[in-house]
């Protein structure tokens, strides 16, 4: 069989390279802030029940503080505790339909 012109292109990269590139792009986004060395204890709700921020503490520290946020993204993967928090606050966790 004869060859034919390629109509598709393929680009590949390691997961670590993709994560590095995405993080660099997000870091350059105005209004985005990374807080290293801290852990999220819970999310905070406003009077309407909408997420308004996070309760955060320094790893190994005792005192926590509130970090206001317009958008919260959980990128912690399979070990995420977000489904438990959602159920605690009266919501339904994804994949746990009742």
PDB file of N, CA and C in Angstrom:
ATOM      1  N   UNK A   1       0.844  -1.182   0.000  1.00  0.00           N
ATOM      2  CA  UNK A   1       0.000   0.000   0.000  1.00  0.00           C
ATOM      3  C   UNK A   1       0.889   1.246   0.000  1.00  0.00           C
ATOM      4  N   UNK A   2       0.416   2.218  -0.684  1.00  0.00           N
ATOM      5  CA  UNK A   2       1.164   3.458  -0.738  1.00  0.00           C
ATOM      6  C   UNK A   2       0.934   4.320   0.497  1.00  0.00           C
ATOM      7  N   UNK A   3       1.893   5.190   0.800  1.00  0.00           N
ATOM      8  CA  UNK A   3       1.761   6.097   1.942  1.00  0.00           C
ATOM      9  C   UNK A   3       0.784   7.200   1.589  1.00  0.00           C
ATOM     10  N   UNK A   4       0.203   7.781   2.577  1.00  0.00           N
ATOM     11  CA  UNK A   4      -0.721   8.893   2.378  1.00  0.00           C
ATOM     12  C   UNK A   4      -0.320  10.032   3.299  1.00  0.00           C
ATOM     13  N   UNK A   5      -0.705  11.257   2.991  1.00  0.00           N
ATOM     14  CA  UNK A   5      -0.300  12.401   3.830  1.00  0.00           C
ATOM     15  C   UNK A   5      -0.910  12.313   5.235  1.00  0.00           C
ATOM     16  N   UNK A   6      -0.114  12.626   6.216  1.00  0.00           N
ATOM     17  CA  UNK A   6      -0.585  12.606   7.606  1.00  0.00           C
ATOM     18  C   UNK A   6      -1.597  13.724   7.833  1.00  0.00           C
ATOM     19  N   UNK A   7      -2.661  13.413   8.553  1.00  0.00           N
ATOM     20  CA  UNK A   7      -3.691  14.417   8.868  1.00  0.00           C
ATOM     21  C   UNK A   7      -3.753  14.710  10.353  1.00  0.00           C
ATOM     22  N   UNK A   8      -2.972  14.002  11.138  1.00  0.00           N
ATOM     23  CA  UNK A   8      -2.968  14.216  12.578  1.00  0.00           C
ATOM     24  C   UNK A   8      -1.538  14.358  13.066  1.00  0.00           C
ATOM     25  N   UNK A   9      -1.408  15.116  14.156  1.00  0.00           N
ATOM     26  CA  UNK A   9      -0.104  15.274  14.793  1.00  0.00           C
ATOM     27  C   UNK A   9      -0.220  14.790  16.232  1.00  0.00           C
ATOM     28  N   UNK A  10       0.860  14.307  16.760  1.00  0.00           N
ATOM     29  CA  UNK A  10       0.881  13.798  18.121  1.00  0.00           C
ATOM     30  C   UNK A  10       2.001  14.484  18.892  1.00  0.00           C
ATOM     31  N   UNK A  11       1.672  14.981  20.044  1.00  0.00           N
ATOM     32  CA  UNK A  11       2.683  15.539  20.948  1.00  0.00           C
ATOM     33  C   UNK A  11       2.553  14.796  22.270  1.00  0.00           C
ATOM     34  N   UNK A  12       3.660  14.434  22.852  1.00  0.00           N
ATOM     35  CA  UNK A  12       3.605  13.733  24.134  1.00  0.00           C
ATOM     36  C   UNK A  12       4.531  14.421  25.128  1.00  0.00           C
ATOM     37  N   UNK A  13       4.199  14.249  26.391  1.00  0.00           N
ATOM     38  CA  UNK A  13       5.009  14.823  27.474  1.00  0.00           C
ATOM     39  C   UNK A  13       4.783  13.997  28.723  1.00  0.00           C
ATOM     40  N   UNK A  14       5.755  14.027  29.613  1.00  0.00           N
ATOM     41  CA  UNK A  14       5.602  13.307  30.874  1.00  0.00           C
ATOM     42  C   UNK A  14       4.589  14.043  31.759  1.00  0.00           C
ATOM     43  N   UNK A  15       4.032  13.331  32.693  1.00  0.00           N
ATOM     44  CA  UNK A  15       3.080  13.935  33.621  1.00  0.00           C
ATOM     45  C   UNK A  15       3.742  15.073  34.397  1.00  0.00           C
ATOM     46  N   UNK A  16       4.983  14.870  34.822  1.00  0.00           N
ATOM     47  CA  UNK A  16       5.657  15.910  35.606  1.00  0.00           C
ATOM     48  C   UNK A  16       5.862  17.176  34.776  1.00  0.00           C
ATOM     49  N   UNK A  17       6.145  17.039  33.480  1.00  0.00           N
ATOM     50  CA  UNK A  17       6.286  18.216  32.629  1.00  0.00           C
ATOM     51  C   UNK A  17       4.946  18.935  32.473  1.00  0.00           C
ATOM     52  N   UNK A  18       3.886  18.180  32.250  1.00  0.00           N
ATOM     53  CA  UNK A  18       2.562  18.799  32.112  1.00  0.00           C
ATOM     54  C   UNK A  18       2.191  19.539  33.399  1.00  0.00           C
ATOM     55  N   UNK A  19       2.402  18.912  34.558  1.00  0.00           N
ATOM     56  CA  UNK A  19       2.076  19.558  35.833  1.00  0.00           C
ATOM     57  C   UNK A  19       2.909  20.824  36.028  1.00  0.00           C
ATOM     58  N   UNK A  20       4.178  20.787  35.664  1.00  0.00           N
ATOM     59  CA  UNK A  20       5.050  21.949  35.813  1.00  0.00           C
ATOM     60  C   UNK A  20       4.556  23.094  34.937  1.00  0.00           C
ATOM     61  N   UNK A  21       4.217  22.790  33.684  1.00  0.00           N
ATOM     62  CA  UNK A  21       3.747  23.830  32.760  1.00  0.00           C
ATOM     63  C   UNK A  21       2.423  24.424  33.242  1.00  0.00           C
ATOM     64  N   UNK A  22       1.494  23.571  33.665  1.00  0.00           N
ATOM     65  CA  UNK A  22       0.198  24.071  34.152  1.00  0.00           C
ATOM     66  C   UNK A  22       0.401  24.941  35.380  1.00  0.00           C
ATOM     67  N   UNK A  23       1.229  24.493  36.323  1.00  0.00           N
ATOM     68  CA  UNK A  23       1.471  25.293  37.533  1.00  0.00           C
ATOM     69  C   UNK A  23       2.070  26.655  37.188  1.00  0.00           C
ATOM     70  N   UNK A  24       3.050  26.678  36.290  1.00  0.00           N
ATOM     71  CA  UNK A  24       3.651  27.960  35.885  1.00  0.00           C
ATOM     72  C   UNK A  24       2.611  28.898  35.295  1.00  0.00           C
ATOM     73  N   UNK A  25       1.724  28.381  34.461  1.00  0.00           N
ATOM     74  CA  UNK A  25       0.685  29.210  33.842  1.00  0.00           C
ATOM     75  C   UNK A  25      -0.287  29.730  34.892  1.00  0.00           C
ATOM     76  N   UNK A  26      -0.674  28.875  35.834  1.00  0.00           N
ATOM     77  CA  UNK A  26      -1.605  29.295  36.879  1.00  0.00           C
ATOM     78  C   UNK A  26      -0.950  30.339  37.777  1.00  0.00           C
ATOM     79  N   UNK A  27       0.325  30.161  38.104  1.00  0.00           N
ATOM     80  CA  UNK A  27       1.046  31.138  38.933  1.00  0.00           C
ATOM     81  C   UNK A  27       1.071  32.515  38.288  1.00  0.00           C
ATOM     82  N   UNK A  28       1.026  32.584  36.976  1.00  0.00           N
ATOM     83  CA  UNK A  28       1.064  33.857  36.268  1.00  0.00           C
ATOM     84  C   UNK A  28      -0.313  34.510  36.139  1.00  0.00           C
ATOM     85  N   UNK A  29      -1.347  33.831  36.597  1.00  0.00           N
ATOM     86  CA  UNK A  29      -2.706  34.357  36.507  1.00  0.00           C
ATOM     87  C   UNK A  29      -2.915  35.397  37.602  1.00  0.00           C
ATOM     88  N   UNK A  30      -3.340  36.598  37.245  1.00  0.00           N
ATOM     89  CA  UNK A  30      -3.592  37.626  38.263  1.00  0.00           C
ATOM     90  C   UNK A  30      -4.646  37.163  39.268  1.00  0.00           C
ATOM     91  N   UNK A  31      -4.388  37.442  40.545  1.00  0.00           N
ATOM     92  CA  UNK A  31      -5.337  37.094  41.597  1.00  0.00           C
ATOM     93  C   UNK A  31      -5.187  35.696  42.155  1.00  0.00           C
ATOM     94  N   UNK A  32      -4.293  34.894  41.582  1.00  0.00           N
ATOM     95  CA  UNK A  32      -4.066  33.537  42.077  1.00  0.00           C
ATOM     96  C   UNK A  32      -2.878  33.560  43.018  1.00  0.00           C
ATOM     97  N   UNK A  33      -3.029  32.889  44.158  1.00  0.00           N
ATOM     98  CA  UNK A  33      -1.958  32.864  45.162  1.00  0.00           C
ATOM     99  C   UNK A  33      -1.761  31.438  45.649  1.00  0.00           C
ATOM    100  N   UNK A  34      -0.530  30.992  45.728  1.00  0.00           N
ATOM    101  CA  UNK A  34      -0.193  29.692  46.293  1.00  0.00           C
ATOM    102  C   UNK A  34       0.255  29.909  47.730  1.00  0.00           C
ATOM    103  N   UNK A  35      -0.207  29.068  48.636  1.00  0.00           N
ATOM    104  CA  UNK A  35       0.174  29.161  50.044  1.00  0.00           C
ATOM    105  C   UNK A  35       0.895  27.861  50.388  1.00  0.00           C
ATOM    106  N   UNK A  36       2.212  27.878  50.330  1.00  0.00           N
ATOM    107  CA  UNK A  36       3.013  26.674  50.566  1.00  0.00           C
ATOM    108  C   UNK A  36       3.138  26.390  52.058  1.00  0.00           C
ATOM    109  N   UNK A  37       3.308  25.113  52.384  1.00  0.00           N
ATOM    110  CA  UNK A  37       3.541  24.709  53.766  1.00  0.00           C
ATOM    111  C   UNK A  37       2.304  24.759  54.643  1.00  0.00           C
ATOM    112  N   UNK A  38       1.126  24.786  54.032  1.00  0.00           N
ATOM    113  CA  UNK A  38      -0.128  24.843  54.777  1.00  0.00           C
ATOM    114  C   UNK A  38      -1.041  23.706  54.336  1.00  0.00           C
ATOM    115  N   UNK A  39      -2.048  23.442  55.145  1.00  0.00           N
ATOM    116  CA  UNK A  39      -3.042  22.435  54.785  1.00  0.00           C
ATOM    117  C   UNK A  39      -4.439  22.998  55.003  1.00  0.00           C
ATOM    118  N   UNK A  40      -5.360  22.556  54.183  1.00  0.00           N
ATOM    119  CA  UNK A  40      -6.751  22.997  54.290  1.00  0.00           C
ATOM    120  C   UNK A  40      -7.452  22.117  55.307  1.00  0.00           C
ATOM    121  N   UNK A  41      -8.123  22.747  56.253  1.00  0.00           N
ATOM    122  CA  UNK A  41      -8.859  22.003  57.277  1.00  0.00           C
ATOM    123  C   UNK A  41     -10.321  21.816  56.894  1.00  0.00           C
ATOM    124  N   UNK A  42     -10.883  22.789  56.203  1.00  0.00           N
ATOM    125  CA  UNK A  42     -12.278  22.726  55.789  1.00  0.00           C
ATOM    126  C   UNK A  42     -12.546  23.889  54.852  1.00  0.00           C
ATOM    127  N   UNK A  43     -13.707  23.874  54.220  1.00  0.00           N
ATOM    128  CA  UNK A  43     -14.094  25.057  53.471  1.00  0.00           C
ATOM    129  C   UNK A  43     -15.081  25.852  54.302  1.00  0.00           C
ATOM    130  N   UNK A  44     -15.235  27.108  53.981  1.00  0.00           N
ATOM    131  CA  UNK A  44     -16.121  28.018  54.706  1.00  0.00           C
ATOM    132  C   UNK A  44     -17.306  28.367  53.815  1.00  0.00           C
ATOM    133  N   UNK A  45     -18.474  28.439  54.421  1.00  0.00           N
ATOM    134  CA  UNK A  45     -19.696  28.787  53.698  1.00  0.00           C
ATOM    135  C   UNK A  45     -20.194  30.150  54.134  1.00  0.00           C
ATOM    136  N   UNK A  46     -20.774  30.880  53.191  1.00  0.00           N
ATOM    137  CA  UNK A  46     -21.406  32.153  53.550  1.00  0.00           C
ATOM    138  C   UNK A  46     -22.847  31.889  53.997  1.00  0.00           C
ATOM    139  N   UNK A  47     -23.605  32.942  54.263  1.00  0.00           N
ATOM    140  CA  UNK A  47     -24.978  32.779  54.766  1.00  0.00           C
ATOM    141  C   UNK A  47     -25.901  32.081  53.776  1.00  0.00           C
ATOM    142  N   UNK A  48     -25.564  32.152  52.490  1.00  0.00           N
ATOM    143  CA  UNK A  48     -26.389  31.500  51.468  1.00  0.00           C
ATOM    144  C   UNK A  48     -25.990  30.044  51.238  1.00  0.00           C
ATOM    145  N   UNK A  49     -24.939  29.596  51.923  1.00  0.00           N
ATOM    146  CA  UNK A  49     -24.473  28.227  51.755  1.00  0.00           C
ATOM    147  C   UNK A  49     -23.486  28.052  50.623  1.00  0.00           C
ATOM    148  N   UNK A  50     -22.949  29.150  50.117  1.00  0.00           N
ATOM    149  CA  UNK A  50     -21.950  29.098  49.045  1.00  0.00           C
ATOM    150  C   UNK A  50     -20.544  29.104  49.644  1.00  0.00           C
ATOM    151  N   UNK A  51     -19.630  28.413  49.008  1.00  0.00           N
ATOM    152  CA  UNK A  51     -18.247  28.393  49.485  1.00  0.00           C
ATOM    153  C   UNK A  51     -17.664  29.794  49.348  1.00  0.00           C
ATOM    154  N   UNK A  52     -17.122  30.304  50.458  1.00  0.00           N
ATOM    155  CA  UNK A  52     -16.563  31.659  50.467  1.00  0.00           C
ATOM    156  C   UNK A  52     -15.072  31.673  50.785  1.00  0.00           C
ATOM    157  N   UNK A  53     -14.507  30.507  51.056  1.00  0.00           N
ATOM    158  CA  UNK A  53     -13.092  30.441  51.373  1.00  0.00           C
ATOM    159  C   UNK A  53     -12.748  29.126  52.039  1.00  0.00           C
ATOM    160  N   UNK A  54     -11.581  29.112  52.657  1.00  0.00           N
ATOM    161  CA  UNK A  54     -11.058  27.905  53.288  1.00  0.00           C
ATOM    162  C   UNK A  54     -10.543  28.200  54.685  1.00  0.00           C
ATOM    163  N   UNK A  55     -10.583  27.199  55.537  1.00  0.00           N
ATOM    164  CA  UNK A  55      -9.898  27.267  56.827  1.00  0.00           C
ATOM    165  C   UNK A  55      -8.558  26.582  56.627  1.00  0.00           C
ATOM    166  N   UNK A  56      -7.477  27.310  56.877  1.00  0.00           N
ATOM    167  CA  UNK A  56      -6.122  26.854  56.569  1.00  0.00           C
ATOM    168  C   UNK A  56      -5.264  26.935  57.816  1.00  0.00           C
ATOM    169  N   UNK A  57      -4.302  26.034  57.931  1.00  0.00           N
ATOM    170  CA  UNK A  57      -3.304  26.132  59.007  1.00  0.00           C
ATOM    171  C   UNK A  57      -1.957  25.691  58.487  1.00  0.00           C
ATOM    172  N   UNK A  58      -0.915  26.220  59.123  1.00  0.00           N
ATOM    173  CA  UNK A  58       0.451  25.811  58.764  1.00  0.00           C
ATOM    174  C   UNK A  58       0.621  24.357  59.184  1.00  0.00           C
ATOM    175  N   UNK A  59       1.274  23.554  58.332  1.00  0.00           N
ATOM    176  CA  UNK A  59       1.492  22.138  58.652  1.00  0.00           C
ATOM    177  C   UNK A  59       2.214  22.022  59.988  1.00  0.00           C
ATOM    178  N   UNK A  60       1.655  21.233  60.877  1.00  0.00           N
ATOM    179  CA  UNK A  60       2.240  21.036  62.192  1.00  0.00           C
ATOM    180  C   UNK A  60       1.867  22.119  63.185  1.00  0.00           C
ATOM    181  N   UNK A  61       1.187  23.157  62.727  1.00  0.00           N
ATOM    182  CA  UNK A  61       0.788  24.250  63.614  1.00  0.00           C
ATOM    183  C   UNK A  61      -0.582  24.002  64.215  1.00  0.00           C
ATOM    184  N   UNK A  62      -0.901  24.782  65.234  1.00  0.00           N
ATOM    185  CA  UNK A  62      -2.177  24.599  65.917  1.00  0.00           C
ATOM    186  C   UNK A  62      -3.228  25.611  65.474  1.00  0.00           C
ATOM    187  N   UNK A  63      -2.808  26.845  65.231  1.00  0.00           N
ATOM    188  CA  UNK A  63      -3.795  27.875  64.923  1.00  0.00           C
ATOM    189  C   UNK A  63      -4.146  27.885  63.439  1.00  0.00           C
ATOM    190  N   UNK A  64      -5.427  28.102  63.169  1.00  0.00           N
ATOM    191  CA  UNK A  64      -5.925  28.142  61.794  1.00  0.00           C
ATOM    192  C   UNK A  64      -6.411  29.552  61.482  1.00  0.00           C
ATOM    193  N   UNK A  65      -6.499  29.867  60.209  1.00  0.00           N
ATOM    194  CA  UNK A  65      -7.027  31.157  59.791  1.00  0.00           C
ATOM    195  C   UNK A  65      -7.896  30.953  58.557  1.00  0.00           C
ATOM    196  N   UNK A  66      -8.752  31.924  58.288  1.00  0.00           N
ATOM    197  CA  UNK A  66      -9.625  31.830  57.126  1.00  0.00           C
ATOM    198  C   UNK A  66      -8.968  32.506  55.934  1.00  0.00           C
ATOM    199  N   UNK A  67      -9.035  31.852  54.801  1.00  0.00           N
ATOM    200  CA  UNK A  67      -8.495  32.374  53.562  1.00  0.00           C
ATOM    201  C   UNK A  67      -9.679  32.580  52.614  1.00  0.00           C
ATOM    202  N   UNK A  68     -10.123  33.828  52.426  1.00  0.00           N
ATOM    203  CA  UNK A  68     -11.260  34.073  51.534  1.00  0.00           C
ATOM    204  C   UNK A  68     -10.909  33.686  50.097  1.00  0.00           C
ATOM    205  N   UNK A  69     -11.908  33.234  49.342  1.00  0.00           N
ATOM    206  CA  UNK A  69     -11.667  32.829  47.959  1.00  0.00           C
ATOM    207  C   UNK A  69     -12.943  32.971  47.136  1.00  0.00           C
ATOM    208  N   UNK A  70     -12.776  33.404  45.880  1.00  0.00           N
ATOM    209  CA  UNK A  70     -13.891  33.442  44.935  1.00  0.00           C
ATOM    210  C   UNK A  70     -14.050  32.102  44.234  1.00  0.00           C
ATOM    211  N   UNK A  71     -12.956  31.346  44.130  1.00  0.00           N
ATOM    212  CA  UNK A  71     -12.971  30.043  43.480  1.00  0.00           C
ATOM    213  C   UNK A  71     -12.055  29.114  44.259  1.00  0.00           C
ATOM    214  N   UNK A  72     -12.541  27.915  44.546  1.00  0.00           N
ATOM    215  CA  UNK A  72     -11.743  26.912  45.241  1.00  0.00           C
ATOM    216  C   UNK A  72     -11.684  25.677  44.349  1.00  0.00           C
ATOM    217  N   UNK A  73     -10.479  25.179  44.090  1.00  0.00           N
ATOM    218  CA  UNK A  73     -10.277  23.998  43.258  1.00  0.00           C
ATOM    219  C   UNK A  73      -9.627  22.920  44.104  1.00  0.00           C
ATOM    220  N   UNK A  74     -10.237  21.748  44.153  1.00  0.00           N
ATOM    221  CA  UNK A  74      -9.645  20.615  44.862  1.00  0.00           C
ATOM    222  C   UNK A  74      -8.894  19.772  43.841  1.00  0.00           C
ATOM    223  N   UNK A  75      -7.576  19.811  43.911  1.00  0.00           N
ATOM    224  CA  UNK A  75      -6.747  19.041  42.991  1.00  0.00           C
ATOM    225  C   UNK A  75      -5.946  17.986  43.743  1.00  0.00           C
ATOM    226  N   UNK A  76      -6.506  17.491  44.840  1.00  0.00           N
ATOM    227  CA  UNK A  76      -5.759  16.561  45.682  1.00  0.00           C
ATOM    228  C   UNK A  76      -5.885  15.109  45.243  1.00  0.00           C
ATOM    229  N   UNK A  77      -6.698  14.819  44.253  1.00  0.00           N
ATOM    230  CA  UNK A  77      -6.759  13.461  43.713  1.00  0.00           C
ATOM    231  C   UNK A  77      -7.591  12.511  44.542  1.00  0.00           C
ATOM    232  N   UNK A  78      -7.233  11.234  44.459  1.00  0.00           N
ATOM    233  CA  UNK A  78      -8.024  10.179  45.104  1.00  0.00           C
ATOM    234  C   UNK A  78      -8.103  10.313  46.614  1.00  0.00           C
ATOM    235  N   UNK A  79      -7.099  10.910  47.224  1.00  0.00           N
ATOM    236  CA  UNK A  79      -7.075  11.049  48.672  1.00  0.00           C
ATOM    237  C   UNK A  79      -7.852  12.243  49.185  1.00  0.00           C
ATOM    238  N   UNK A  80      -8.619  12.873  48.332  1.00  0.00           N
ATOM    239  CA  UNK A  80      -9.360  14.074  48.712  1.00  0.00           C
ATOM    240  C   UNK A  80     -10.350  13.795  49.830  1.00  0.00           C
ATOM    241  N   UNK A  81     -10.460  14.728  50.749  1.00  0.00           N
ATOM    242  CA  UNK A  81     -11.463  14.633  51.809  1.00  0.00           C
ATOM    243  C   UNK A  81     -12.691  15.481  51.473  1.00  0.00           C
ATOM    244  N   UNK A  82     -12.692  16.116  50.304  1.00  0.00           N
ATOM    245  CA  UNK A  82     -13.816  16.953  49.910  1.00  0.00           C
ATOM    246  C   UNK A  82     -15.153  16.218  49.933  1.00  0.00           C
ATOM    247  N   UNK A  83     -15.257  14.963  49.460  1.00  0.00           N
ATOM    248  CA  UNK A  83     -16.548  14.275  49.540  1.00  0.00           C
ATOM    249  C   UNK A  83     -17.083  14.202  50.978  1.00  0.00           C
ATOM    250  N   UNK A  84     -16.196  13.974  51.944  1.00  0.00           N
ATOM    251  CA  UNK A  84     -16.614  13.929  53.354  1.00  0.00           C
ATOM    252  C   UNK A  84     -17.095  15.299  53.820  1.00  0.00           C
ATOM    253  N   UNK A  85     -16.399  16.364  53.416  1.00  0.00           N
ATOM    254  CA  UNK A  85     -16.803  17.716  53.796  1.00  0.00           C
ATOM    255  C   UNK A  85     -18.155  18.056  53.195  1.00  0.00           C
ATOM    256  N   UNK A  86     -18.363  17.686  51.936  1.00  0.00           N
ATOM    257  CA  UNK A  86     -19.646  17.968  51.297  1.00  0.00           C
ATOM    258  C   UNK A  86     -20.789  17.301  52.047  1.00  0.00           C
ATOM    259  N   UNK A  87     -20.613  16.042  52.416  1.00  0.00           N
ATOM    260  CA  UNK A  87     -21.652  15.335  53.169  1.00  0.00           C
ATOM    261  C   UNK A  87     -21.850  15.952  54.548  1.00  0.00           C
ATOM    262  N   UNK A  88     -20.760  16.380  55.187  1.00  0.00           N
ATOM    263  CA  UNK A  88     -20.849  17.021  56.504  1.00  0.00           C
ATOM    264  C   UNK A  88     -21.711  18.285  56.439  1.00  0.00           C
ATOM    265  N   UNK A  89     -21.591  19.037  55.350  1.00  0.00           N
ATOM    266  CA  UNK A  89     -22.334  20.287  55.193  1.00  0.00           C
ATOM    267  C   UNK A  89     -23.696  20.075  54.532  1.00  0.00           C
ATOM    268  N   UNK A  90     -24.123  18.808  54.392  1.00  0.00           N
ATOM    269  CA  UNK A  90     -25.458  18.541  53.873  1.00  0.00           C
ATOM    270  C   UNK A  90     -25.550  18.342  52.387  1.00  0.00           C
ATOM    271  N   UNK A  91     -24.431  18.255  51.698  1.00  0.00           N
ATOM    272  CA  UNK A  91     -24.435  18.041  50.253  1.00  0.00           C
ATOM    273  C   UNK A  91     -24.285  16.568  49.917  1.00  0.00           C
ATOM    274  N   UNK A  92     -24.272  16.282  48.649  1.00  0.00           N
ATOM    275  CA  UNK A  92     -24.052  14.928  48.164  1.00  0.00           C
ATOM    276  C   UNK A  92     -22.709  14.894  47.442  1.00  0.00           C
ATOM    277  N   UNK A  93     -21.870  13.995  47.844  1.00  0.00           N
ATOM    278  CA  UNK A  93     -20.547  13.882  47.236  1.00  0.00           C
ATOM    279  C   UNK A  93     -20.677  13.238  45.856  1.00  0.00           C
ATOM    280  N   UNK A  94     -19.868  13.653  44.898  1.00  0.00           N
ATOM    281  CA  UNK A  94     -19.889  13.023  43.573  1.00  0.00           C
ATOM    282  C   UNK A  94     -19.617  11.528  43.695  1.00  0.00           C
ATOM    283  N   UNK A  95     -20.358  10.732  42.950  1.00  0.00           N
ATOM    284  CA  UNK A  95     -20.168   9.294  42.991  1.00  0.00           C
ATOM    285  C   UNK A  95     -20.813   8.619  44.184  1.00  0.00           C
ATOM    286  N   UNK A  96     -21.465   9.392  45.027  1.00  0.00           N
ATOM    287  CA  UNK A  96     -22.142   8.839  46.207  1.00  0.00           C
ATOM    288  C   UNK A  96     -23.630   9.209  46.171  1.00  0.00           C
ATOM    289  N   UNK A  97     -24.238   9.067  45.017  1.00  0.00           N
ATOM    290  CA  UNK A  97     -25.653   9.445  44.870  1.00  0.00           C
ATOM    291  C   UNK A  97     -26.500   8.658  45.847  1.00  0.00           C
ATOM    292  N   UNK A  98     -27.481   9.333  46.369  1.00  0.00           N
ATOM    293  CA  UNK A  98     -28.349   8.679  47.379  1.00  0.00           C
ATOM    294  C   UNK A  98     -29.671   8.305  46.790  1.00  0.00           C
TER     295      UNK A  98
END
